[in-house]
Amino acid sequence: LHTLRKRAAMDIRCYSPAWARDIADLYYQSVHAIDSAVYTPEQKQAWAPAPIDYQAWAERLALKQPFVAIIDDRVAGFIELDADGHIDCTYTHPDCQGEGVASALYAHVLQQARETGIRRLYVEASLIARPFFERRGFSVLKQNSVQRQGVNLINFSMERHV
């Protein structure tokens, strides 16, 4: 018999520097948990290299000020919303995928966009993130080929009017 785990409620909070290391680890773990049939190990290493540069992450997060999903006092996911409507990162911890973390984070960003007068949201979505954003009304504008550390990665420029 399989047992359902009951989790504590999810909270969406504004970024705290205390979470910088956890967010950097979550990013690395979520990228490397992607099925190798979708992105090869070489592509995942170029996307999220090891060792993790925690100082660079702390600086990035201090600038980006992401919204963070917290479950059971742990970072479960994060999303970044720039002032111009750009969603730069949306990641969920592998242990929390399929539990509505990204959906809750996106709903929070959509509310923020409406409250601050952002009229258009846009994102460069990975192969696995594309369906998530399509289900939320985003349209694909174009497919991109991005070079990271000499490795080719595919993503999609997508937008949605708020």
N, C-alpha and C. Protein backbone atom coordinates (compact mmCIF):
# COMPACT_ATOMS: atom_id res chain seq x y z
N LEU A 1 0.84 -1.20 0.00
CA LEU A 1 0.00 0.00 0.00
C LEU A 1 0.87 1.24 0.00
N HIS A 2 0.46 2.19 -0.79
CA HIS A 2 1.22 3.44 -0.79
C HIS A 2 0.49 4.45 0.08
N THR A 3 1.25 5.22 0.79
CA THR A 3 0.72 6.17 1.75
C THR A 3 0.83 7.58 1.21
N LEU A 4 -0.22 8.33 1.36
CA LEU A 4 -0.19 9.73 0.95
C LEU A 4 0.42 10.56 2.07
N ARG A 5 1.42 11.34 1.71
CA ARG A 5 2.01 12.25 2.70
C ARG A 5 1.18 13.52 2.74
N LYS A 6 0.87 13.94 3.91
CA LYS A 6 0.17 15.23 4.05
C LYS A 6 1.22 16.29 4.36
N ARG A 7 1.30 17.27 3.51
CA ARG A 7 2.26 18.37 3.71
C ARG A 7 1.57 19.54 4.39
N ALA A 8 2.41 20.33 5.01
CA ALA A 8 1.91 21.58 5.58
C ALA A 8 1.51 22.50 4.42
N ALA A 9 0.80 23.53 4.76
CA ALA A 9 0.36 24.48 3.74
C ALA A 9 1.56 25.15 3.08
N MET A 10 1.36 25.53 1.84
CA MET A 10 2.39 26.25 1.09
C MET A 10 2.20 27.74 1.30
N ASP A 11 3.30 28.43 1.52
CA ASP A 11 3.30 29.88 1.62
C ASP A 11 4.14 30.43 0.48
N ILE A 12 3.68 31.51 -0.13
CA ILE A 12 4.49 32.23 -1.12
C ILE A 12 5.01 33.47 -0.41
N ARG A 13 6.34 33.59 -0.36
CA ARG A 13 6.96 34.68 0.37
C ARG A 13 7.92 35.45 -0.53
N CYS A 14 8.19 36.68 -0.12
CA CYS A 14 9.22 37.47 -0.78
C CYS A 14 10.58 36.90 -0.38
N TYR A 15 11.54 37.06 -1.25
CA TYR A 15 12.88 36.51 -1.08
C TYR A 15 13.54 36.97 0.21
N SER A 16 14.26 36.05 0.83
CA SER A 16 15.13 36.35 1.96
C SER A 16 16.52 35.81 1.64
N PRO A 17 17.57 36.58 1.90
CA PRO A 17 18.93 36.10 1.63
C PRO A 17 19.26 34.77 2.34
N ALA A 18 18.54 34.47 3.40
CA ALA A 18 18.77 33.22 4.11
C ALA A 18 18.48 32.00 3.22
N TRP A 19 17.71 32.19 2.15
CA TRP A 19 17.35 31.09 1.26
C TRP A 19 18.25 30.98 0.04
N ALA A 20 19.25 31.83 -0.10
CA ALA A 20 20.06 31.86 -1.33
C ALA A 20 20.66 30.49 -1.65
N ARG A 21 21.27 29.87 -0.69
CA ARG A 21 21.93 28.58 -0.92
C ARG A 21 20.89 27.51 -1.29
N ASP A 22 19.76 27.50 -0.57
CA ASP A 22 18.71 26.52 -0.87
C ASP A 22 18.15 26.70 -2.28
N ILE A 23 17.99 27.95 -2.71
CA ILE A 23 17.48 28.22 -4.05
C ILE A 23 18.50 27.77 -5.10
N ALA A 24 19.78 28.05 -4.88
CA ALA A 24 20.81 27.60 -5.81
C ALA A 24 20.83 26.08 -5.91
N ASP A 25 20.72 25.41 -4.77
CA ASP A 25 20.68 23.94 -4.77
C ASP A 25 19.43 23.43 -5.49
N LEU A 26 18.29 24.06 -5.22
CA LEU A 26 17.04 23.66 -5.87
C LEU A 26 17.16 23.78 -7.39
N TYR A 27 17.70 24.88 -7.86
CA TYR A 27 17.89 25.09 -9.30
C TYR A 27 18.73 23.95 -9.88
N TYR A 28 19.87 23.69 -9.26
CA TYR A 28 20.76 22.63 -9.75
C TYR A 28 20.04 21.28 -9.74
N GLN A 29 19.39 20.94 -8.64
CA GLN A 29 18.72 19.65 -8.52
C GLN A 29 17.58 19.50 -9.50
N SER A 30 16.81 20.57 -9.71
CA SER A 30 15.67 20.46 -10.62
C SER A 30 16.13 20.29 -12.06
N VAL A 31 17.18 20.99 -12.46
CA VAL A 31 17.71 20.81 -13.83
C VAL A 31 18.25 19.40 -14.00
N HIS A 32 19.01 18.93 -13.03
CA HIS A 32 19.64 17.61 -13.17
C HIS A 32 18.66 16.46 -12.98
N ALA A 33 17.45 16.74 -12.50
CA ALA A 33 16.41 15.72 -12.37
C ALA A 33 15.62 15.53 -13.67
N ILE A 34 15.83 16.40 -14.64
CA ILE A 34 15.11 16.29 -15.92
C ILE A 34 15.54 14.99 -16.61
N ASP A 35 14.58 14.30 -17.18
CA ASP A 35 14.85 13.06 -17.88
C ASP A 35 15.91 13.28 -18.96
N SER A 36 16.90 12.42 -19.01
CA SER A 36 17.99 12.56 -19.98
C SER A 36 17.54 12.34 -21.41
N ALA A 37 16.32 11.86 -21.60
CA ALA A 37 15.75 11.77 -22.95
C ALA A 37 15.32 13.15 -23.45
N VAL A 38 15.13 14.08 -22.52
CA VAL A 38 14.72 15.44 -22.88
C VAL A 38 15.94 16.34 -23.04
N TYR A 39 16.78 16.37 -22.02
CA TYR A 39 18.05 17.10 -22.07
C TYR A 39 19.15 16.12 -21.66
N THR A 40 20.20 16.06 -22.44
CA THR A 40 21.31 15.14 -22.17
C THR A 40 22.07 15.57 -20.91
N PRO A 41 22.83 14.66 -20.30
CA PRO A 41 23.66 15.07 -19.16
C PRO A 41 24.58 16.24 -19.50
N GLU A 42 25.11 16.28 -20.72
CA GLU A 42 25.98 17.38 -21.15
C GLU A 42 25.19 18.70 -21.17
N GLN A 43 23.96 18.65 -21.67
CA GLN A 43 23.13 19.86 -21.70
C GLN A 43 22.78 20.32 -20.29
N LYS A 44 22.46 19.39 -19.41
CA LYS A 44 22.12 19.74 -18.04
C LYS A 44 23.33 20.34 -17.31
N GLN A 45 24.51 19.83 -17.57
CA GLN A 45 25.73 20.37 -16.95
C GLN A 45 26.01 21.78 -17.45
N ALA A 46 25.74 22.04 -18.75
CA ALA A 46 25.94 23.40 -19.29
C ALA A 46 24.90 24.37 -18.72
N TRP A 47 23.69 23.88 -18.50
CA TRP A 47 22.58 24.68 -18.00
C TRP A 47 22.78 24.99 -16.51
N ALA A 48 23.17 23.98 -15.75
CA ALA A 48 23.34 24.13 -14.30
C ALA A 48 24.65 23.47 -13.91
N PRO A 49 25.76 24.19 -14.09
CA PRO A 49 27.08 23.59 -13.86
C PRO A 49 27.39 23.31 -12.39
N ALA A 50 28.24 22.31 -12.22
CA ALA A 50 28.81 22.01 -10.90
C ALA A 50 30.29 22.34 -10.98
N PRO A 51 30.88 22.86 -9.93
CA PRO A 51 30.23 23.17 -8.65
C PRO A 51 29.33 24.40 -8.76
N ILE A 52 28.36 24.47 -7.88
CA ILE A 52 27.44 25.60 -7.85
C ILE A 52 28.19 26.84 -7.36
N ASP A 53 28.02 27.95 -8.06
CA ASP A 53 28.64 29.22 -7.66
C ASP A 53 27.68 29.96 -6.73
N TYR A 54 27.79 29.66 -5.44
CA TYR A 54 26.85 30.23 -4.47
C TYR A 54 26.96 31.75 -4.36
N GLN A 55 28.14 32.30 -4.54
CA GLN A 55 28.29 33.75 -4.49
C GLN A 55 27.55 34.41 -5.64
N ALA A 56 27.69 33.86 -6.84
CA ALA A 56 26.97 34.40 -8.00
C ALA A 56 25.46 34.30 -7.80
N TRP A 57 25.02 33.18 -7.22
CA TRP A 57 23.59 33.03 -6.95
C TRP A 57 23.12 34.06 -5.92
N ALA A 58 23.87 34.26 -4.88
CA ALA A 58 23.47 35.24 -3.86
C ALA A 58 23.33 36.63 -4.48
N GLU A 59 24.27 36.99 -5.36
CA GLU A 59 24.21 38.29 -6.03
C GLU A 59 23.01 38.38 -6.97
N ARG A 60 22.78 37.32 -7.74
CA ARG A 60 21.64 37.29 -8.67
C ARG A 60 20.33 37.45 -7.91
N LEU A 61 20.17 36.64 -6.86
CA LEU A 61 18.92 36.65 -6.11
C LEU A 61 18.69 37.97 -5.40
N ALA A 62 19.75 38.62 -4.95
CA ALA A 62 19.62 39.94 -4.32
C ALA A 62 19.06 40.95 -5.32
N LEU A 63 19.44 40.81 -6.58
CA LEU A 63 18.91 41.69 -7.63
C LEU A 63 17.50 41.30 -8.06
N LYS A 64 17.28 40.00 -8.28
CA LYS A 64 16.01 39.52 -8.83
C LYS A 64 14.87 39.51 -7.83
N GLN A 65 15.19 39.30 -6.53
CA GLN A 65 14.16 39.26 -5.49
C GLN A 65 12.98 38.35 -5.87
N PRO A 66 13.25 37.05 -6.05
CA PRO A 66 12.18 36.15 -6.47
C PRO A 66 11.12 35.94 -5.39
N PHE A 67 9.99 35.40 -5.84
CA PHE A 67 8.97 34.92 -4.91
C PHE A 67 9.32 33.46 -4.64
N VAL A 68 9.17 33.03 -3.40
CA VAL A 68 9.63 31.72 -2.97
C VAL A 68 8.46 30.95 -2.34
N ALA A 69 8.29 29.71 -2.79
CA ALA A 69 7.29 28.83 -2.19
C ALA A 69 7.96 28.07 -1.05
N ILE A 70 7.32 28.11 0.11
CA ILE A 70 7.83 27.43 1.30
C ILE A 70 6.81 26.37 1.73
N ILE A 71 7.28 25.14 1.88
CA ILE A 71 6.46 24.03 2.40
C ILE A 71 7.27 23.38 3.52
N ASP A 72 6.65 23.16 4.65
CA ASP A 72 7.34 22.52 5.79
C ASP A 72 8.66 23.22 6.11
N ASP A 73 8.66 24.54 6.06
CA ASP A 73 9.84 25.36 6.36
C ASP A 73 11.01 25.12 5.41
N ARG A 74 10.73 24.59 4.22
CA ARG A 74 11.78 24.35 3.22
C ARG A 74 11.40 25.05 1.92
N VAL A 75 12.42 25.48 1.17
CA VAL A 75 12.19 26.09 -0.14
C VAL A 75 11.72 25.00 -1.10
N ALA A 76 10.52 25.17 -1.63
CA ALA A 76 9.92 24.19 -2.54
C ALA A 76 10.00 24.65 -4.00
N GLY A 77 10.15 25.96 -4.21
CA GLY A 77 10.22 26.49 -5.56
C GLY A 77 10.41 27.99 -5.52
N PHE A 78 10.70 28.53 -6.70
CA PHE A 78 10.84 29.99 -6.80
C PHE A 78 10.51 30.44 -8.20
N ILE A 79 10.17 31.71 -8.31
CA ILE A 79 9.86 32.34 -9.60
C ILE A 79 10.38 33.77 -9.55
N GLU A 80 10.90 34.23 -10.67
CA GLU A 80 11.41 35.60 -10.77
C GLU A 80 10.53 36.39 -11.74
N LEU A 81 10.13 37.59 -11.33
CA LEU A 81 9.36 38.49 -12.18
C LEU A 81 10.08 39.82 -12.24
N ASP A 82 10.55 40.18 -13.44
CA ASP A 82 11.18 41.48 -13.64
C ASP A 82 10.11 42.55 -13.82
N ALA A 83 10.48 43.80 -13.62
CA ALA A 83 9.52 44.92 -13.69
C ALA A 83 8.87 45.05 -15.06
N ASP A 84 9.53 44.53 -16.11
CA ASP A 84 8.97 44.63 -17.46
C ASP A 84 8.09 43.43 -17.83
N GLY A 85 7.84 42.52 -16.88
CA GLY A 85 6.99 41.37 -17.15
C GLY A 85 7.73 40.10 -17.51
N HIS A 86 9.06 40.15 -17.50
CA HIS A 86 9.85 38.97 -17.84
C HIS A 86 9.88 38.00 -16.66
N ILE A 87 9.45 36.77 -16.90
CA ILE A 87 9.58 35.69 -15.92
C ILE A 87 10.89 34.99 -16.26
N ASP A 88 11.91 35.21 -15.44
CA ASP A 88 13.25 34.74 -15.78
C ASP A 88 13.49 33.31 -15.34
N CYS A 89 13.03 32.93 -14.18
CA CYS A 89 13.21 31.56 -13.68
C CYS A 89 11.91 31.10 -13.02
N THR A 90 11.56 29.85 -13.24
CA THR A 90 10.47 29.18 -12.53
C THR A 90 10.94 27.76 -12.29
N TYR A 91 11.24 27.43 -11.05
CA TYR A 91 11.77 26.10 -10.73
C TYR A 91 11.11 25.55 -9.47
N THR A 92 10.87 24.24 -9.49
CA THR A 92 10.30 23.53 -8.35
C THR A 92 11.27 22.43 -7.94
N HIS A 93 11.44 22.24 -6.64
CA HIS A 93 12.30 21.17 -6.14
C HIS A 93 11.76 19.83 -6.64
N PRO A 94 12.64 18.91 -7.07
CA PRO A 94 12.18 17.60 -7.57
C PRO A 94 11.26 16.87 -6.60
N ASP A 95 11.47 17.01 -5.29
CA ASP A 95 10.61 16.33 -4.31
C ASP A 95 9.21 16.93 -4.24
N CYS A 96 9.01 18.11 -4.81
CA CYS A 96 7.73 18.81 -4.70
C CYS A 96 7.01 18.94 -6.04
N GLN A 97 7.57 18.37 -7.10
CA GLN A 97 6.94 18.50 -8.41
C GLN A 97 5.61 17.75 -8.42
N GLY A 98 4.65 18.33 -9.13
CA GLY A 98 3.32 17.73 -9.21
C GLY A 98 2.43 18.07 -8.02
N GLU A 99 2.89 18.98 -7.16
CA GLU A 99 2.12 19.34 -5.97
C GLU A 99 1.56 20.76 -6.05
N GLY A 100 1.61 21.38 -7.21
CA GLY A 100 1.03 22.70 -7.39
C GLY A 100 1.93 23.86 -7.02
N VAL A 101 3.22 23.59 -6.82
CA VAL A 101 4.14 24.67 -6.43
C VAL A 101 4.28 25.69 -7.55
N ALA A 102 4.62 25.25 -8.74
CA ALA A 102 4.78 26.19 -9.86
C ALA A 102 3.47 26.91 -10.16
N SER A 103 2.35 26.21 -10.06
CA SER A 103 1.04 26.83 -10.30
C SER A 103 0.78 27.94 -9.30
N ALA A 104 1.09 27.69 -8.03
CA ALA A 104 0.88 28.71 -7.00
C ALA A 104 1.81 29.90 -7.21
N LEU A 105 3.06 29.62 -7.56
CA LEU A 105 4.01 30.71 -7.83
C LEU A 105 3.54 31.54 -9.02
N TYR A 106 3.11 30.87 -10.09
CA TYR A 106 2.64 31.61 -11.27
C TYR A 106 1.40 32.44 -10.93
N ALA A 107 0.45 31.88 -10.18
CA ALA A 107 -0.75 32.64 -9.80
C ALA A 107 -0.36 33.89 -9.01
N HIS A 108 0.65 33.77 -8.16
CA HIS A 108 1.13 34.92 -7.39
C HIS A 108 1.73 35.99 -8.33
N VAL A 109 2.52 35.55 -9.29
CA VAL A 109 3.13 36.48 -10.25
C VAL A 109 2.05 37.16 -11.09
N LEU A 110 1.06 36.41 -11.52
CA LEU A 110 -0.03 36.98 -12.31
C LEU A 110 -0.76 38.06 -11.51
N GLN A 111 -1.02 37.78 -10.24
CA GLN A 111 -1.65 38.78 -9.36
C GLN A 111 -0.76 40.01 -9.23
N GLN A 112 0.54 39.80 -9.02
CA GLN A 112 1.48 40.92 -8.90
C GLN A 112 1.49 41.76 -10.18
N ALA A 113 1.48 41.08 -11.32
CA ALA A 113 1.48 41.79 -12.60
C ALA A 113 0.25 42.68 -12.71
N ARG A 114 -0.89 42.13 -12.37
CA ARG A 114 -2.13 42.91 -12.46
C ARG A 114 -2.11 44.10 -11.50
N GLU A 115 -1.60 43.87 -10.29
CA GLU A 115 -1.57 44.94 -9.28
C GLU A 115 -0.59 46.05 -9.65
N THR A 116 0.47 45.73 -10.36
CA THR A 116 1.49 46.73 -10.69
C THR A 116 1.36 47.26 -12.12
N GLY A 117 0.33 46.83 -12.84
CA GLY A 117 0.09 47.37 -14.17
C GLY A 117 0.92 46.76 -15.28
N ILE A 118 1.53 45.62 -15.02
CA ILE A 118 2.25 44.92 -16.10
C ILE A 118 1.21 44.34 -17.06
N ARG A 119 1.33 44.65 -18.33
CA ARG A 119 0.32 44.26 -19.31
C ARG A 119 0.70 42.99 -20.08
N ARG A 120 1.99 42.64 -20.04
CA ARG A 120 2.46 41.49 -20.82
C ARG A 120 3.49 40.73 -20.00
N LEU A 121 3.29 39.42 -19.91
CA LEU A 121 4.28 38.54 -19.30
C LEU A 121 4.98 37.79 -20.41
N TYR A 122 6.28 37.58 -20.26
CA TYR A 122 7.02 36.81 -21.27
C TYR A 122 8.10 35.98 -20.62
N VAL A 123 8.48 34.92 -21.30
CA VAL A 123 9.38 33.93 -20.73
C VAL A 123 10.13 33.22 -21.87
N GLU A 124 11.32 32.71 -21.54
CA GLU A 124 12.01 31.78 -22.43
C GLU A 124 11.88 30.43 -21.75
N ALA A 125 10.95 29.62 -22.21
CA ALA A 125 10.61 28.36 -21.55
C ALA A 125 11.40 27.19 -22.13
N SER A 126 11.85 26.32 -21.24
CA SER A 126 12.53 25.11 -21.67
C SER A 126 11.52 24.15 -22.33
N LEU A 127 12.03 23.08 -22.87
CA LEU A 127 11.16 22.06 -23.46
C LEU A 127 10.14 21.55 -22.45
N ILE A 128 10.57 21.37 -21.20
CA ILE A 128 9.63 20.84 -20.22
C ILE A 128 8.73 21.92 -19.61
N ALA A 129 9.14 23.18 -19.66
CA ALA A 129 8.31 24.26 -19.11
C ALA A 129 7.28 24.76 -20.12
N ARG A 130 7.53 24.55 -21.40
CA ARG A 130 6.63 25.06 -22.44
C ARG A 130 5.17 24.65 -22.20
N PRO A 131 4.86 23.36 -21.95
CA PRO A 131 3.45 23.01 -21.74
C PRO A 131 2.83 23.70 -20.53
N PHE A 132 3.61 23.89 -19.47
CA PHE A 132 3.13 24.59 -18.28
C PHE A 132 2.63 25.98 -18.66
N PHE A 133 3.45 26.71 -19.40
CA PHE A 133 3.07 28.08 -19.78
C PHE A 133 1.96 28.09 -20.83
N GLU A 134 1.95 27.13 -21.75
CA GLU A 134 0.86 27.06 -22.73
C GLU A 134 -0.49 26.87 -22.03
N ARG A 135 -0.52 26.02 -21.00
CA ARG A 135 -1.77 25.80 -20.25
C ARG A 135 -2.24 27.06 -19.53
N ARG A 136 -1.36 28.02 -19.38
CA ARG A 136 -1.71 29.28 -18.71
C ARG A 136 -1.87 30.43 -19.69
N GLY A 137 -2.10 30.11 -20.95
CA GLY A 137 -2.43 31.12 -21.93
C GLY A 137 -1.27 31.77 -22.67
N PHE A 138 -0.06 31.25 -22.50
CA PHE A 138 1.10 31.78 -23.22
C PHE A 138 1.12 31.21 -24.63
N SER A 139 1.56 32.04 -25.57
CA SER A 139 1.73 31.63 -26.96
C SER A 139 3.22 31.59 -27.28
N VAL A 140 3.60 30.64 -28.11
CA VAL A 140 4.99 30.56 -28.56
C VAL A 140 5.21 31.59 -29.65
N LEU A 141 6.23 32.43 -29.47
CA LEU A 141 6.60 33.41 -30.48
C LEU A 141 7.67 32.83 -31.41
N LYS A 142 8.64 32.10 -30.81
CA LYS A 142 9.70 31.50 -31.62
C LYS A 142 10.48 30.49 -30.79
N GLN A 143 11.15 29.58 -31.49
CA GLN A 143 12.07 28.65 -30.85
C GLN A 143 13.46 29.25 -30.90
N ASN A 144 14.20 29.10 -29.79
CA ASN A 144 15.55 29.64 -29.70
C ASN A 144 16.56 28.52 -29.52
N SER A 145 17.74 28.76 -30.04
CA SER A 145 18.86 27.88 -29.80
C SER A 145 19.90 28.69 -29.03
N VAL A 146 20.17 28.28 -27.79
CA VAL A 146 21.05 29.02 -26.90
C VAL A 146 22.32 28.22 -26.68
N GLN A 147 23.46 28.90 -26.77
CA GLN A 147 24.75 28.24 -26.51
C GLN A 147 25.18 28.54 -25.08
N ARG A 148 25.47 27.49 -24.32
CA ARG A 148 26.04 27.64 -22.98
C ARG A 148 27.22 26.69 -22.89
N GLN A 149 28.38 27.25 -22.62
CA GLN A 149 29.61 26.46 -22.50
C GLN A 149 29.80 25.56 -23.73
N GLY A 150 29.47 26.11 -24.90
CA GLY A 150 29.64 25.37 -26.15
C GLY A 150 28.60 24.30 -26.41
N VAL A 151 27.57 24.25 -25.59
CA VAL A 151 26.52 23.24 -25.73
C VAL A 151 25.23 23.93 -26.15
N ASN A 152 24.52 23.34 -27.10
CA ASN A 152 23.29 23.90 -27.63
C ASN A 152 22.09 23.50 -26.77
N LEU A 153 21.29 24.49 -26.37
CA LEU A 153 20.05 24.26 -25.62
C LEU A 153 18.90 24.91 -26.38
N ILE A 154 17.76 24.25 -26.38
CA ILE A 154 16.56 24.79 -27.04
C ILE A 154 15.62 25.35 -25.98
N ASN A 155 15.08 26.53 -26.26
CA ASN A 155 13.98 27.05 -25.45
C ASN A 155 13.03 27.82 -26.36
N PHE A 156 11.96 28.34 -25.78
CA PHE A 156 10.91 28.98 -26.55
C PHE A 156 10.57 30.34 -25.96
N SER A 157 10.59 31.38 -26.80
CA SER A 157 10.11 32.70 -26.40
C SER A 157 8.59 32.63 -26.42
N MET A 158 7.99 32.96 -25.27
CA MET A 158 6.54 32.87 -25.14
C MET A 158 6.04 34.15 -24.47
N GLU A 159 4.76 34.47 -24.72
CA GLU A 159 4.18 35.65 -24.08
C GLU A 159 2.71 35.43 -23.80
N ARG A 160 2.23 36.25 -22.89
CA ARG A 160 0.81 36.26 -22.55
C ARG A 160 0.45 37.68 -22.15
N HIS A 161 -0.64 38.17 -22.67
CA HIS A 161 -1.11 39.49 -22.26
C HIS A 161 -2.00 39.34 -21.04
N VAL A 162 -1.78 40.24 -20.07
CA VAL A 162 -2.47 40.13 -18.79
C VAL A 162 -3.80 40.86 -18.85
